[in-house]
């Protein structure tokens, strides 16, 4: 099973920390290139892997962590 978190703001990073605590590999992606979030991902843990958006969405399970219009949305999809 592969996992990805799309959006790497506060919510995305909190989800990534939860995966890292359990030593589960998770891809993280945001609209800018993966290098823009590489240092934040590395600070969370070695199992948090920055990827390009088009690669991250190939995961079996995708978490879309987005805060917009004062609403938090987390969408989980399974392939």
C-alpha atoms as a PDB file:
ATOM      1  CA  UNK A   1       0.000   0.000   0.000  1.00  0.00           C
ATOM      2  CA  UNK A   2       1.368   3.425  -0.928  1.00  0.00           C
ATOM      3  CA  UNK A   3       0.276   6.747   0.560  1.00  0.00           C
ATOM      4  CA  UNK A   4       0.476  10.374  -0.541  1.00  0.00           C
ATOM      5  CA  UNK A   5      -0.419  13.685   1.057  1.00  0.00           C
ATOM      6  CA  UNK A   6      -1.315  16.461  -1.344  1.00  0.00           C
ATOM      7  CA  UNK A   7      -0.724  19.921   0.132  1.00  0.00           C
ATOM      8  CA  UNK A   8       2.050  20.399   2.642  1.00  0.00           C
ATOM      9  CA  UNK A   9       0.818  23.198   4.874  1.00  0.00           C
ATOM     10  CA  UNK A  10       0.054  22.755   8.572  1.00  0.00           C
ATOM     11  CA  UNK A  11      -2.477  19.959   8.023  1.00  0.00           C
ATOM     12  CA  UNK A  12      -0.340  18.098   5.496  1.00  0.00           C
ATOM     13  CA  UNK A  13       2.688  18.302   7.765  1.00  0.00           C
ATOM     14  CA  UNK A  14       0.671  17.070  10.756  1.00  0.00           C
ATOM     15  CA  UNK A  15      -0.454  14.064   8.709  1.00  0.00           C
ATOM     16  CA  UNK A  16       3.145  13.449   7.589  1.00  0.00           C
ATOM     17  CA  UNK A  17       4.318  13.486  11.230  1.00  0.00           C
ATOM     18  CA  UNK A  18       1.690  10.851  12.071  1.00  0.00           C
ATOM     19  CA  UNK A  19       3.014   8.603   9.281  1.00  0.00           C
ATOM     20  CA  UNK A  20       6.628   9.221  10.347  1.00  0.00           C
ATOM     21  CA  UNK A  21       5.856   8.284  13.972  1.00  0.00           C
ATOM     22  CA  UNK A  22       4.649   4.896  12.723  1.00  0.00           C
ATOM     23  CA  UNK A  23       7.656   4.587  10.354  1.00  0.00           C
ATOM     24  CA  UNK A  24       5.353   4.450   7.310  1.00  0.00           C
ATOM     25  CA  UNK A  25       6.606   5.859   4.012  1.00  0.00           C
ATOM     26  CA  UNK A  26       4.434   8.630   2.602  1.00  0.00           C
ATOM     27  CA  UNK A  27       4.877  10.856  -0.436  1.00  0.00           C
ATOM     28  CA  UNK A  28       4.170  14.559  -0.035  1.00  0.00           C
ATOM     29  CA  UNK A  29       3.444  17.008  -2.816  1.00  0.00           C
ATOM     30  CA  UNK A  30       2.406  20.581  -3.384  1.00  0.00           C
ATOM     31  CA  UNK A  31       2.060  22.768  -6.479  1.00  0.00           C
ATOM     32  CA  UNK A  32       5.608  24.112  -6.433  1.00  0.00           C
ATOM     33  CA  UNK A  33       8.346  21.608  -7.190  1.00  0.00           C
ATOM     34  CA  UNK A  34       9.360  18.959  -4.597  1.00  0.00           C
ATOM     35  CA  UNK A  35      12.553  20.866  -3.759  1.00  0.00           C
ATOM     36  CA  UNK A  36      10.428  23.620  -2.225  1.00  0.00           C
ATOM     37  CA  UNK A  37       9.267  21.257   0.544  1.00  0.00           C
ATOM     38  CA  UNK A  38      12.334  18.992   0.776  1.00  0.00           C
ATOM     39  CA  UNK A  39      13.821  20.540   3.914  1.00  0.00           C
ATOM     40  CA  UNK A  40      10.485  20.535   5.780  1.00  0.00           C
ATOM     41  CA  UNK A  41       9.880  16.905   4.756  1.00  0.00           C
ATOM     42  CA  UNK A  42      13.388  15.879   5.866  1.00  0.00           C
ATOM     43  CA  UNK A  43      12.864  17.595   9.225  1.00  0.00           C
ATOM     44  CA  UNK A  44       9.803  15.418   9.834  1.00  0.00           C
ATOM     45  CA  UNK A  45      11.501  12.139   8.983  1.00  0.00           C
ATOM     46  CA  UNK A  46      13.208   9.921   6.454  1.00  0.00           C
ATOM     47  CA  UNK A  47       9.925   8.211   5.528  1.00  0.00           C
ATOM     48  CA  UNK A  48       8.433  11.498   4.258  1.00  0.00           C
ATOM     49  CA  UNK A  49       9.343  11.688   0.570  1.00  0.00           C
ATOM     50  CA  UNK A  50       8.744  14.859  -1.508  1.00  0.00           C
ATOM     51  CA  UNK A  51       7.486  14.074  -5.012  1.00  0.00           C
ATOM     52  CA  UNK A  52       6.118  15.880  -8.023  1.00  0.00           C
ATOM     53  CA  UNK A  53       2.339  16.178  -7.886  1.00  0.00           C
ATOM     54  CA  UNK A  54       1.833  13.975 -10.937  1.00  0.00           C
ATOM     55  CA  UNK A  55       3.888  11.203  -9.303  1.00  0.00           C
ATOM     56  CA  UNK A  56       2.312  11.480  -5.849  1.00  0.00           C
ATOM     57  CA  UNK A  57      -1.214  10.979  -7.198  1.00  0.00           C
ATOM     58  CA  UNK A  58      -0.232   7.468  -8.314  1.00  0.00           C
ATOM     59  CA  UNK A  59      -0.354   6.315  -4.669  1.00  0.00           C
ATOM     60  CA  UNK A  60      -2.933   3.756  -3.575  1.00  0.00           C
ATOM     61  CA  UNK A  61      -4.329   6.124  -0.941  1.00  0.00           C
ATOM     62  CA  UNK A  62      -4.282   9.914  -1.282  1.00  0.00           C
ATOM     63  CA  UNK A  63      -4.937  12.445   1.466  1.00  0.00           C
ATOM     64  CA  UNK A  64      -5.912  15.883   0.181  1.00  0.00           C
ATOM     65  CA  UNK A  65      -5.243  18.277   3.034  1.00  0.00           C
ATOM     66  CA  UNK A  66      -6.595  21.678   2.103  1.00  0.00           C
ATOM     67  CA  UNK A  67      -7.754  24.622   4.120  1.00  0.00           C
ATOM     68  CA  UNK A  68      -9.842  27.047   2.139  1.00  0.00           C
ATOM     69  CA  UNK A  69     -12.602  29.441   3.036  1.00  0.00           C
ATOM     70  CA  UNK A  70     -12.071  28.644   6.732  1.00  0.00           C
ATOM     71  CA  UNK A  71     -12.938  24.984   6.134  1.00  0.00           C
ATOM     72  CA  UNK A  72     -10.676  22.006   6.543  1.00  0.00           C
ATOM     73  CA  UNK A  73     -11.084  19.222   3.998  1.00  0.00           C
ATOM     74  CA  UNK A  74      -9.364  15.875   4.138  1.00  0.00           C
ATOM     75  CA  UNK A  75     -10.319  13.583   1.298  1.00  0.00           C
ATOM     76  CA  UNK A  76      -9.116   9.985   1.308  1.00  0.00           C
ATOM     77  CA  UNK A  77      -9.317   7.972  -1.872  1.00  0.00           C
ATOM     78  CA  UNK A  78      -8.231   4.398  -2.455  1.00  0.00           C
ATOM     79  CA  UNK A  79      -7.226   3.037  -5.843  1.00  0.00           C
END
